[in-house]
Amino acid sequence: MMKPRSRKEELEWTRNRILQVAEDLFMEKGFRAVTTREIAAKCEITQPALYYHYTDKQSLYIAMLHRFVQSIQKKLTAINETTMAKRLELMLEVLAEEHPSSIMMMIHDISVEFKEENQRKIYSLWRETYLEPFLHLFEEMRSKGELRDSIEPEEAARFCLLTIGQTISNRRQRTKSLAGEYALLVDLILHGTKKS
């Protein structure tokens, strides 16, 4: 017979359940389309019980994002390929695999729906999780003399994220896998389209 959970364990279990359900719904539908009532119903708790753990929908979304990006951060940090092209390809694959939702939809929802202080929190989390790994890669290219002088590392990093964001957004509408397309994306990112 299983030992009953303590009050502390029960609260932790409920918080984790709320975060998982919120993640599933937010990643599938976007912030605007999901209600706290829907999250509470899927968790089989009352809305007041949900608000006991998270004061409002925005604070729940931020907590969900913190939890969600930990896996992405670990996987991006673990990439240790020597060639820039292969490293970049693997980084793009991690984002596509780990981020099932439309990044562009998330950015839009956040900019339209969120209070300014929460936008700053999410921007900070986005910068740390998504932008900085790419920024470091392009800074390394700059230090090796491999990045064109007219391009700043942050511009290159943002371009990468915009490119993969569009690719992920279009993924749901495709039947074929994107495997192999990352090599082409990386080639376009690193070398452009002009014949040299």
C-alpha atoms as a PDB file:
ATOM      1  CA  MET A   1       0.000   0.000   0.000  1.00  0.00           C
ATOM      2  CA  MET A   2       1.338   3.422  -0.961  1.00  0.00           C
ATOM      3  CA  LYS A   3       2.086   5.861   1.789  1.00  0.00           C
ATOM      4  CA  PRO A   4      -0.186   8.925   1.514  1.00  0.00           C
ATOM      5  CA  ARG A   5       1.502  12.129   0.412  1.00  0.00           C
ATOM      6  CA  SER A   6       2.254  14.790   2.991  1.00  0.00           C
ATOM      7  CA  ARG A   7       0.609  18.210   2.616  1.00  0.00           C
ATOM      8  CA  LYS A   8       3.871  19.583   1.204  1.00  0.00           C
ATOM      9  CA  GLU A   9       4.168  16.695  -1.290  1.00  0.00           C
ATOM     10  CA  GLU A  10       0.523  17.113  -2.292  1.00  0.00           C
ATOM     11  CA  LEU A  11       1.012  20.852  -2.945  1.00  0.00           C
ATOM     12  CA  GLU A  12       4.153  20.141  -4.990  1.00  0.00           C
ATOM     13  CA  TRP A  13       2.362  17.424  -6.970  1.00  0.00           C
ATOM     14  CA  THR A  14      -0.539  19.787  -7.696  1.00  0.00           C
ATOM     15  CA  ARG A  15       1.806  22.600  -8.771  1.00  0.00           C
ATOM     16  CA  ASN A  16       3.631  20.260 -11.147  1.00  0.00           C
ATOM     17  CA  ARG A  17       0.334  18.969 -12.545  1.00  0.00           C
ATOM     18  CA  ILE A  18      -0.881  22.533 -13.151  1.00  0.00           C
ATOM     19  CA  LEU A  19       2.377  23.444 -14.887  1.00  0.00           C
ATOM     20  CA  GLN A  20       2.269  20.367 -17.126  1.00  0.00           C
ATOM     21  CA  VAL A  21      -1.337  20.919 -18.143  1.00  0.00           C
ATOM     22  CA  ALA A  22      -0.663  24.629 -18.696  1.00  0.00           C
ATOM     23  CA  GLU A  23       2.370  23.808 -20.845  1.00  0.00           C
ATOM     24  CA  ASP A  24       0.396  21.358 -22.983  1.00  0.00           C
ATOM     25  CA  LEU A  25      -2.437  23.835 -23.519  1.00  0.00           C
ATOM     26  CA  PHE A  26      -0.337  26.995 -23.983  1.00  0.00           C
ATOM     27  CA  MET A  27       2.022  25.280 -26.435  1.00  0.00           C
ATOM     28  CA  GLU A  28      -0.880  23.866 -28.420  1.00  0.00           C
ATOM     29  CA  LYS A  29      -3.202  26.896 -28.478  1.00  0.00           C
ATOM     30  CA  GLY A  30      -1.234  29.966 -27.420  1.00  0.00           C
ATOM     31  CA  PHE A  31      -1.734  32.219 -24.417  1.00  0.00           C
ATOM     32  CA  ARG A  32      -4.889  33.997 -25.538  1.00  0.00           C
ATOM     33  CA  ALA A  33      -6.882  30.858 -26.415  1.00  0.00           C
ATOM     34  CA  VAL A  34      -6.357  29.134 -23.044  1.00  0.00           C
ATOM     35  CA  THR A  35      -8.347  30.010 -19.926  1.00  0.00           C
ATOM     36  CA  THR A  36      -7.511  29.323 -16.296  1.00  0.00           C
ATOM     37  CA  ARG A  37     -10.928  27.635 -16.064  1.00  0.00           C
ATOM     38  CA  GLU A  38      -9.842  25.186 -18.782  1.00  0.00           C
ATOM     39  CA  ILE A  39      -6.529  24.502 -17.010  1.00  0.00           C
ATOM     40  CA  ALA A  40      -8.274  23.957 -13.669  1.00  0.00           C
ATOM     41  CA  ALA A  41     -10.835  21.607 -15.259  1.00  0.00           C
ATOM     42  CA  LYS A  42      -8.092  19.499 -16.907  1.00  0.00           C
ATOM     43  CA  CYS A  43      -6.278  19.344 -13.561  1.00  0.00           C
ATOM     44  CA  GLU A  44      -9.536  18.362 -11.853  1.00  0.00           C
ATOM     45  CA  ILE A  45      -9.260  21.230  -9.373  1.00  0.00           C
ATOM     46  CA  THR A  46     -11.309  24.366  -8.821  1.00  0.00           C
ATOM     47  CA  GLN A  47     -10.309  27.721 -10.248  1.00  0.00           C
ATOM     48  CA  PRO A  48      -9.749  29.121  -6.713  1.00  0.00           C
ATOM     49  CA  ALA A  49      -7.396  26.177  -6.057  1.00  0.00           C
ATOM     50  CA  LEU A  50      -5.470  27.112  -9.198  1.00  0.00           C
ATOM     51  CA  TYR A  51      -5.255  30.724  -8.001  1.00  0.00           C
ATOM     52  CA  TYR A  52      -3.903  29.497  -4.668  1.00  0.00           C
ATOM     53  CA  HIS A  53      -0.805  28.345  -6.562  1.00  0.00           C
ATOM     54  CA  TYR A  54      -0.656  31.056  -9.256  1.00  0.00           C
ATOM     55  CA  THR A  55      -2.198  34.483  -8.737  1.00  0.00           C
ATOM     56  CA  ASP A  56      -3.226  34.944 -12.375  1.00  0.00           C
ATOM     57  CA  LYS A  57      -2.869  33.549 -15.880  1.00  0.00           C
ATOM     58  CA  GLN A  58       0.272  35.586 -16.606  1.00  0.00           C
ATOM     59  CA  SER A  59       2.112  34.395 -13.498  1.00  0.00           C
ATOM     60  CA  LEU A  60       1.154  30.799 -14.395  1.00  0.00           C
ATOM     61  CA  TYR A  61       2.469  31.306 -17.936  1.00  0.00           C
ATOM     62  CA  ILE A  62       5.781  32.696 -16.647  1.00  0.00           C
ATOM     63  CA  ALA A  63       6.172  29.791 -14.192  1.00  0.00           C
ATOM     64  CA  MET A  64       5.382  27.366 -17.015  1.00  0.00           C
ATOM     65  CA  LEU A  65       7.981  29.020 -19.253  1.00  0.00           C
ATOM     66  CA  HIS A  66      10.663  28.834 -16.544  1.00  0.00           C
ATOM     67  CA  ARG A  67      10.062  25.115 -16.228  1.00  0.00           C
ATOM     68  CA  PHE A  68       9.715  24.590 -19.985  1.00  0.00           C
ATOM     69  CA  VAL A  69      12.998  26.244 -20.978  1.00  0.00           C
ATOM     70  CA  GLN A  70      15.152  24.277 -18.514  1.00  0.00           C
ATOM     71  CA  SER A  71      15.226  21.304 -20.898  1.00  0.00           C
ATOM     72  CA  ILE A  72      16.100  23.560 -23.832  1.00  0.00           C
ATOM     73  CA  GLN A  73      18.904  25.235 -21.862  1.00  0.00           C
ATOM     74  CA  LYS A  74      20.420  21.864 -20.881  1.00  0.00           C
ATOM     75  CA  LYS A  75      20.316  20.509 -24.432  1.00  0.00           C
ATOM     76  CA  LEU A  76      21.767  23.657 -26.013  1.00  0.00           C
ATOM     77  CA  THR A  77      24.546  23.759 -23.408  1.00  0.00           C
ATOM     78  CA  ALA A  78      25.415  20.093 -24.046  1.00  0.00           C
ATOM     79  CA  ILE A  79      26.183  20.667 -27.748  1.00  0.00           C
ATOM     80  CA  ASN A  80      29.947  20.530 -28.209  1.00  0.00           C
ATOM     81  CA  GLU A  81      30.490  20.013 -31.935  1.00  0.00           C
ATOM     82  CA  THR A  82      33.685  21.531 -33.271  1.00  0.00           C
ATOM     83  CA  THR A  83      32.418  22.936 -36.560  1.00  0.00           C
ATOM     84  CA  MET A  84      30.209  26.005 -36.415  1.00  0.00           C
ATOM     85  CA  ALA A  85      27.887  24.645 -39.091  1.00  0.00           C
ATOM     86  CA  LYS A  86      27.242  21.368 -37.246  1.00  0.00           C
ATOM     87  CA  ARG A  87      26.831  23.166 -33.915  1.00  0.00           C
ATOM     88  CA  LEU A  88      24.337  25.585 -35.428  1.00  0.00           C
ATOM     89  CA  GLU A  89      22.459  22.728 -37.104  1.00  0.00           C
ATOM     90  CA  LEU A  90      22.146  20.852 -33.789  1.00  0.00           C
ATOM     91  CA  MET A  91      21.026  24.025 -31.985  1.00  0.00           C
ATOM     92  CA  LEU A  92      18.277  24.557 -34.556  1.00  0.00           C
ATOM     93  CA  GLU A  93      17.222  20.908 -34.207  1.00  0.00           C
ATOM     94  CA  VAL A  94      16.945  21.278 -30.425  1.00  0.00           C
ATOM     95  CA  LEU A  95      14.681  24.307 -30.783  1.00  0.00           C
ATOM     96  CA  ALA A  96      12.493  22.610 -33.372  1.00  0.00           C
ATOM     97  CA  GLU A  97      12.160  19.433 -31.311  1.00  0.00           C
ATOM     98  CA  GLU A  98      11.750  21.050 -27.907  1.00  0.00           C
ATOM     99  CA  HIS A  99       9.513  23.933 -28.908  1.00  0.00           C
ATOM    100  CA  PRO A 100       6.381  22.428 -30.438  1.00  0.00           C
ATOM    101  CA  SER A 101       4.457  25.700 -30.554  1.00  0.00           C
ATOM    102  CA  SER A 102       4.759  28.654 -32.849  1.00  0.00           C
ATOM    103  CA  ILE A 103       7.433  30.917 -31.414  1.00  0.00           C
ATOM    104  CA  MET A 104       6.018  33.791 -33.451  1.00  0.00           C
ATOM    105  CA  MET A 105       2.546  33.257 -31.949  1.00  0.00           C
ATOM    106  CA  MET A 106       4.081  33.252 -28.462  1.00  0.00           C
ATOM    107  CA  ILE A 107       5.940  36.503 -29.109  1.00  0.00           C
ATOM    108  CA  HIS A 108       2.776  38.122 -30.447  1.00  0.00           C
ATOM    109  CA  ASP A 109       0.681  36.950 -27.476  1.00  0.00           C
ATOM    110  CA  ILE A 110       3.260  38.207 -25.002  1.00  0.00           C
ATOM    111  CA  SER A 111       3.606  41.626 -26.652  1.00  0.00           C
ATOM    112  CA  VAL A 112      -0.176  42.132 -26.841  1.00  0.00           C
ATOM    113  CA  GLU A 113      -1.490  40.435 -23.696  1.00  0.00           C
ATOM    114  CA  PHE A 114       1.136  40.845 -20.976  1.00  0.00           C
ATOM    115  CA  LYS A 115       1.762  43.627 -18.478  1.00  0.00           C
ATOM    116  CA  GLU A 116       5.024  45.453 -19.125  1.00  0.00           C
ATOM    117  CA  GLU A 117       6.780  44.039 -16.046  1.00  0.00           C
ATOM    118  CA  ASN A 118       5.862  40.487 -17.129  1.00  0.00           C
ATOM    119  CA  GLN A 119       7.028  41.228 -20.678  1.00  0.00           C
ATOM    120  CA  ARG A 120      10.424  42.173 -19.205  1.00  0.00           C
ATOM    121  CA  LYS A 121      10.583  38.924 -17.212  1.00  0.00           C
ATOM    122  CA  ILE A 122       9.772  36.862 -20.285  1.00  0.00           C
ATOM    123  CA  TYR A 123      12.179  38.828 -22.473  1.00  0.00           C
ATOM    124  CA  SER A 124      14.947  38.146 -19.965  1.00  0.00           C
ATOM    125  CA  LEU A 125      14.122  34.445 -19.961  1.00  0.00           C
ATOM    126  CA  TRP A 126      13.938  34.392 -23.784  1.00  0.00           C
ATOM    127  CA  ARG A 127      17.259  36.179 -24.077  1.00  0.00           C
ATOM    128  CA  GLU A 128      18.983  33.792 -21.670  1.00  0.00           C
ATOM    129  CA  THR A 129      17.488  30.624 -23.164  1.00  0.00           C
ATOM    130  CA  TYR A 130      17.224  31.358 -26.863  1.00  0.00           C
ATOM    131  CA  LEU A 131      19.298  34.355 -27.893  1.00  0.00           C
ATOM    132  CA  GLU A 132      22.468  33.998 -25.810  1.00  0.00           C
ATOM    133  CA  PRO A 133      23.494  30.509 -27.034  1.00  0.00           C
ATOM    134  CA  PHE A 134      23.346  31.773 -30.629  1.00  0.00           C
ATOM    135  CA  LEU A 135      24.967  35.053 -29.645  1.00  0.00           C
ATOM    136  CA  HIS A 136      27.919  33.175 -28.114  1.00  0.00           C
ATOM    137  CA  LEU A 137      28.304  31.117 -31.279  1.00  0.00           C
ATOM    138  CA  PHE A 138      28.480  34.229 -33.482  1.00  0.00           C
ATOM    139  CA  GLU A 139      30.776  36.008 -31.026  1.00  0.00           C
ATOM    140  CA  GLU A 140      33.094  33.016 -31.321  1.00  0.00           C
ATOM    141  CA  MET A 141      32.914  33.297 -35.114  1.00  0.00           C
ATOM    142  CA  ARG A 142      33.753  37.010 -34.808  1.00  0.00           C
ATOM    143  CA  SER A 143      36.775  36.243 -32.590  1.00  0.00           C
ATOM    144  CA  LYS A 144      38.033  33.751 -35.214  1.00  0.00           C
ATOM    145  CA  GLY A 145      37.552  36.285 -38.021  1.00  0.00           C
ATOM    146  CA  GLU A 146      34.775  34.187 -39.603  1.00  0.00           C
ATOM    147  CA  LEU A 147      31.918  36.697 -39.256  1.00  0.00           C
ATOM    148  CA  ARG A 148      31.604  39.509 -41.802  1.00  0.00           C
ATOM    149  CA  ASP A 149      32.621  42.860 -40.325  1.00  0.00           C
ATOM    150  CA  SER A 150      29.307  44.437 -41.316  1.00  0.00           C
ATOM    151  CA  ILE A 151      27.291  41.937 -39.220  1.00  0.00           C
ATOM    152  CA  GLU A 152      27.046  42.120 -35.446  1.00  0.00           C
ATOM    153  CA  PRO A 153      26.851  38.821 -33.525  1.00  0.00           C
ATOM    154  CA  GLU A 154      23.493  39.802 -32.028  1.00  0.00           C
ATOM    155  CA  GLU A 155      22.045  40.569 -35.469  1.00  0.00           C
ATOM    156  CA  ALA A 156      23.164  37.142 -36.695  1.00  0.00           C
ATOM    157  CA  ALA A 157      21.727  35.450 -33.581  1.00  0.00           C
ATOM    158  CA  ARG A 158      18.382  37.207 -33.981  1.00  0.00           C
ATOM    159  CA  PHE A 159      18.291  36.276 -37.674  1.00  0.00           C
ATOM    160  CA  CYS A 160      18.806  32.612 -36.732  1.00  0.00           C
ATOM    161  CA  LEU A 161      15.961  32.710 -34.255  1.00  0.00           C
ATOM    162  CA  LEU A 162      13.668  34.459 -36.715  1.00  0.00           C
ATOM    163  CA  THR A 163      14.513  31.845 -39.348  1.00  0.00           C
ATOM    164  CA  ILE A 164      13.914  28.863 -37.080  1.00  0.00           C
ATOM    165  CA  GLY A 165      10.803  30.529 -35.651  1.00  0.00           C
ATOM    166  CA  GLN A 166       9.280  30.714 -39.116  1.00  0.00           C
ATOM    167  CA  THR A 167      10.333  27.135 -39.873  1.00  0.00           C
ATOM    168  CA  ILE A 168       8.758  25.820 -36.668  1.00  0.00           C
ATOM    169  CA  SER A 169       5.596  27.845 -37.314  1.00  0.00           C
ATOM    170  CA  ASN A 170       5.227  26.198 -40.723  1.00  0.00           C
ATOM    171  CA  ARG A 171       6.005  22.722 -39.359  1.00  0.00           C
ATOM    172  CA  ARG A 172       2.411  21.932 -38.323  1.00  0.00           C
ATOM    173  CA  GLN A 173       1.249  22.482 -41.882  1.00  0.00           C
ATOM    174  CA  ARG A 174       3.724  19.959 -43.330  1.00  0.00           C
ATOM    175  CA  THR A 175       3.484  16.233 -43.553  1.00  0.00           C
ATOM    176  CA  LYS A 176       7.171  15.572 -44.189  1.00  0.00           C
ATOM    177  CA  SER A 177       9.839  15.820 -41.535  1.00  0.00           C
ATOM    178  CA  LEU A 178      12.137  18.824 -41.364  1.00  0.00           C
ATOM    179  CA  ALA A 179      15.132  16.532 -40.810  1.00  0.00           C
ATOM    180  CA  GLY A 180      17.789  17.487 -43.359  1.00  0.00           C
ATOM    181  CA  GLU A 181      16.370  20.965 -43.864  1.00  0.00           C
ATOM    182  CA  TYR A 182      18.530  22.290 -41.045  1.00  0.00           C
ATOM    183  CA  ALA A 183      21.669  21.739 -43.113  1.00  0.00           C
ATOM    184  CA  LEU A 184      20.162  23.940 -45.832  1.00  0.00           C
ATOM    185  CA  LEU A 185      19.087  26.571 -43.276  1.00  0.00           C
ATOM    186  CA  VAL A 186      22.571  26.607 -41.765  1.00  0.00           C
ATOM    187  CA  ASP A 187      24.145  26.921 -45.206  1.00  0.00           C
ATOM    188  CA  LEU A 188      21.856  29.870 -45.997  1.00  0.00           C
ATOM    189  CA  ILE A 189      22.533  31.482 -42.606  1.00  0.00           C
ATOM    190  CA  LEU A 190      26.307  31.103 -42.861  1.00  0.00           C
ATOM    191  CA  HIS A 191      26.824  31.659 -46.597  1.00  0.00           C
ATOM    192  CA  GLY A 192      23.757  33.425 -47.984  1.00  0.00           C
ATOM    193  CA  THR A 193      22.448  32.852 -51.468  1.00  0.00           C
ATOM    194  CA  LYS A 194      24.943  34.778 -53.612  1.00  0.00           C
ATOM    195  CA  LYS A 195      27.350  32.716 -55.674  1.00  0.00           C
ATOM    196  CA  SER A 196      30.937  33.544 -54.704  1.00  0.00           C
END
